[in-house]
N, C-alpha and C. Protein backbone atom coordinates (compact mmCIF):
# COMPACT_ATOMS: atom_id res chain seq x y z
N UNK A 1 -25.12 -33.97 18.14
CA UNK A 1 -24.60 -32.00 17.62
C UNK A 1 -25.28 -31.29 17.13
N UNK A 2 -25.62 -30.61 17.78
CA UNK A 2 -26.21 -29.20 17.40
C UNK A 2 -25.81 -28.31 16.78
N UNK A 3 -26.44 -28.06 15.73
CA UNK A 3 -25.63 -27.16 14.87
C UNK A 3 -25.92 -25.72 14.60
N UNK A 4 -24.85 -24.59 14.59
CA UNK A 4 -25.28 -23.62 15.05
C UNK A 4 -26.54 -22.45 14.38
N UNK A 5 -26.62 -21.53 14.88
CA UNK A 5 -27.86 -21.11 14.25
C UNK A 5 -27.54 -19.89 13.12
N UNK A 6 -26.74 -19.12 13.30
CA UNK A 6 -26.36 -18.35 12.44
C UNK A 6 -25.08 -19.31 11.58
N UNK A 7 -25.61 -19.08 9.89
CA UNK A 7 -24.73 -19.46 8.78
C UNK A 7 -23.10 -19.12 8.78
N UNK A 8 -22.35 -19.84 9.26
CA UNK A 8 -21.07 -19.19 9.22
C UNK A 8 -20.07 -18.30 8.12
N UNK A 9 -19.67 -17.75 7.83
CA UNK A 9 -19.34 -16.56 6.85
C UNK A 9 -17.83 -17.30 6.33
N UNK A 10 -18.13 -17.82 5.07
CA UNK A 10 -17.28 -18.80 4.78
C UNK A 10 -16.04 -17.64 4.06
N UNK A 11 -15.47 -16.13 4.47
CA UNK A 11 -14.72 -15.36 4.11
C UNK A 11 -13.94 -15.42 5.50
N UNK A 12 -14.86 -15.78 6.58
CA UNK A 12 -14.40 -15.23 8.13
C UNK A 12 -12.67 -16.61 8.43
N UNK A 13 -12.00 -16.05 8.19
CA UNK A 13 -10.89 -17.10 8.07
C UNK A 13 -9.61 -16.51 9.26
N UNK A 14 -9.26 -16.69 9.89
CA UNK A 14 -7.73 -15.89 10.47
C UNK A 14 -6.69 -16.40 10.11
N UNK A 15 -5.47 -16.22 9.54
CA UNK A 15 -4.32 -16.21 8.82
C UNK A 15 -3.32 -15.78 10.17
N UNK A 16 -2.56 -16.56 10.08
CA UNK A 16 -1.30 -16.51 10.77
C UNK A 16 -0.78 -15.14 10.49
N UNK A 17 -0.09 -14.53 11.25
CA UNK A 17 0.66 -12.83 10.83
C UNK A 17 1.76 -13.19 9.82
N UNK A 18 2.73 -14.35 9.97
CA UNK A 18 3.82 -14.87 8.92
C UNK A 18 2.95 -14.60 7.73
N UNK A 19 1.54 -15.22 7.56
CA UNK A 19 1.36 -15.23 6.01
C UNK A 19 0.61 -13.94 5.88
N UNK A 20 0.09 -13.45 6.80
CA UNK A 20 -0.49 -11.87 6.35
C UNK A 20 1.80 -11.20 5.64
N UNK A 21 2.11 -11.43 6.14
CA UNK A 21 3.35 -10.56 6.48
C UNK A 21 3.80 -10.72 4.98
N UNK A 22 3.94 -12.26 4.85
CA UNK A 22 4.49 -12.82 3.22
C UNK A 22 3.95 -12.41 2.26
N UNK A 23 2.82 -12.27 2.32
CA UNK A 23 1.41 -11.74 1.20
C UNK A 23 1.98 -10.41 0.75
N UNK A 24 1.90 -9.42 1.85
CA UNK A 24 2.25 -8.04 2.17
C UNK A 24 4.15 -7.66 1.13
N UNK A 25 4.85 -8.64 1.87
CA UNK A 25 5.50 -8.15 1.01
C UNK A 25 6.19 -8.68 -0.55
N UNK A 26 5.23 -9.79 -0.95
CA UNK A 26 5.48 -9.78 -2.16
C UNK A 26 4.15 -8.20 -3.02
N UNK A 27 3.32 -8.23 -1.77
CA UNK A 27 2.22 -7.33 -2.70
C UNK A 27 2.59 -5.69 -2.96
N UNK A 28 3.38 -5.37 -1.77
CA UNK A 28 3.55 -4.35 -1.95
C UNK A 28 4.91 -3.34 -3.10
N UNK A 29 5.66 -4.38 -3.04
CA UNK A 29 6.73 -3.89 -4.64
C UNK A 29 5.39 -3.85 -5.67
N UNK A 30 4.68 -4.91 -5.95
CA UNK A 30 4.16 -4.90 -7.14
C UNK A 30 2.97 -4.00 -6.97
N UNK A 31 2.49 -3.20 -6.38
CA UNK A 31 1.66 -1.76 -6.09
C UNK A 31 2.69 -1.01 -6.30
N UNK A 32 3.76 -1.07 -6.09
CA UNK A 32 4.75 0.03 -6.33
C UNK A 32 5.08 0.09 -8.06
N UNK A 33 5.46 -0.94 -8.35
CA UNK A 33 5.57 -1.49 -9.92
C UNK A 33 4.26 -0.49 -10.94
N UNK A 34 3.03 -1.10 -10.70
CA UNK A 34 2.03 -0.42 -11.12
C UNK A 34 1.58 1.22 -11.34
N UNK A 35 2.39 1.67 -9.87
CA UNK A 35 2.04 3.34 -9.64
C UNK A 35 2.65 3.71 -10.35
N UNK A 36 3.94 3.16 -10.57
CA UNK A 36 5.33 4.04 -11.09
C UNK A 36 5.09 3.56 -12.89
N UNK A 37 4.20 2.57 -13.23
CA UNK A 37 3.91 2.59 -14.81
C UNK A 37 3.20 3.63 -15.79
N UNK A 38 3.55 3.93 -16.43
CA UNK A 38 2.58 4.81 -17.22
C UNK A 38 0.88 4.41 -17.50
N UNK A 39 0.39 3.20 -17.35
CA UNK A 39 -0.50 2.57 -17.26
C UNK A 39 -1.23 2.91 -15.75
N UNK A 40 -0.15 2.76 -14.75
CA UNK A 40 -0.78 3.13 -13.60
C UNK A 40 -0.43 5.19 -12.89
N UNK A 41 0.31 5.78 -13.62
CA UNK A 41 -0.08 7.34 -13.60
C UNK A 41 -1.29 7.59 -13.80
N UNK A 42 -1.44 7.13 -15.51
CA UNK A 42 -2.31 7.77 -15.73
C UNK A 42 -4.13 7.22 -15.32
N UNK A 43 -4.15 5.74 -14.34
CA UNK A 43 -5.40 5.57 -13.74
C UNK A 43 -5.22 6.10 -12.47
N UNK A 44 -4.09 6.55 -11.75
CA UNK A 44 -3.85 7.38 -10.65
C UNK A 44 -4.62 8.62 -11.26
N UNK A 45 -4.60 9.52 -12.24
CA UNK A 45 -5.03 10.55 -12.45
C UNK A 45 -6.43 10.88 -12.74
N UNK A 46 -6.76 9.44 -13.20
CA UNK A 46 -8.52 9.71 -13.45
C UNK A 46 -8.96 9.60 -12.00
N UNK A 47 -8.47 8.39 -11.41
CA UNK A 47 -9.05 8.67 -10.00
C UNK A 47 -9.31 9.98 -9.08
N UNK A 48 -8.07 10.35 -9.27
CA UNK A 48 -8.24 11.50 -8.89
C UNK A 48 -8.97 12.72 -9.01
N UNK A 49 -9.04 12.72 -10.42
CA UNK A 49 -10.23 13.85 -11.25
C UNK A 49 -11.25 13.20 -10.69
N UNK A 50 -11.25 11.76 -10.83
CA UNK A 50 -13.02 11.27 -10.19
C UNK A 50 -13.78 12.09 -8.95
N UNK A 51 -12.63 11.66 -8.14
CA UNK A 51 -12.52 11.78 -6.45
C UNK A 51 -13.03 13.71 -5.98
N UNK A 52 -12.36 14.18 -7.27
CA UNK A 52 -12.05 15.76 -7.17
C UNK A 52 -14.10 15.98 -7.28
N UNK A 53 -14.31 15.62 -8.20
CA UNK A 53 -15.41 15.71 -9.12
C UNK A 53 -16.47 15.15 -8.11
N UNK A 54 -16.26 14.15 -7.10
CA UNK A 54 -17.60 13.69 -6.25
C UNK A 54 -17.38 14.79 -5.19
N UNK A 55 -16.17 15.12 -4.75
CA UNK A 55 -16.52 15.99 -3.64
C UNK A 55 -16.75 17.45 -3.95
N UNK A 56 -16.63 18.22 -5.24
CA UNK A 56 -16.94 18.95 -5.67
C UNK A 56 -19.34 18.94 -5.79
N UNK A 57 -19.27 17.59 -5.90
CA UNK A 57 -20.99 17.82 -5.78
C UNK A 57 -21.19 17.36 -4.51
N UNK A 58 -20.66 17.01 -3.95
CA UNK A 58 -20.90 16.77 -2.12
C UNK A 58 -20.86 18.02 -1.93
N UNK A 59 -20.15 19.25 -2.15
CA UNK A 59 -19.71 20.70 -1.63
C UNK A 59 -21.30 21.02 -2.01
N UNK A 60 -21.47 20.92 -3.46
CA UNK A 60 -22.64 21.64 -3.73
C UNK A 60 -23.90 21.27 -2.84
N UNK A 61 -24.31 20.04 -2.82
CA UNK A 61 -25.32 19.46 -1.94
C UNK A 61 -25.06 20.14 -0.53
N UNK A 62 -24.09 20.14 0.18
CA UNK A 62 -24.26 21.03 1.38
C UNK A 62 -24.50 22.34 1.31
N UNK A 63 -24.37 23.01 0.49
CA UNK A 63 -24.07 24.04 0.37
C UNK A 63 -25.99 24.45 0.00
N UNK A 64 -26.69 23.65 -0.58
CA UNK A 64 -27.86 23.62 -0.85
C UNK A 64 -28.64 23.61 0.79
N UNK A 65 -27.99 22.86 1.66
CA UNK A 65 -29.03 22.36 2.94
C UNK A 65 -29.30 24.08 3.21
């Protein structure tokens, strides 16, 4: 039996669409609950602030070029 030359990626798994949809039906409401919570709102605001700072740095770099 000949072995393939490339190692198989252990994360390369094909899942049936029904499993993906079932997981999404579970996960989406949980994500919504998190972002509706006080902690979720706080973390989202922090992420937005970090994103704005990153964009400012990128824009400053582009202006210098």
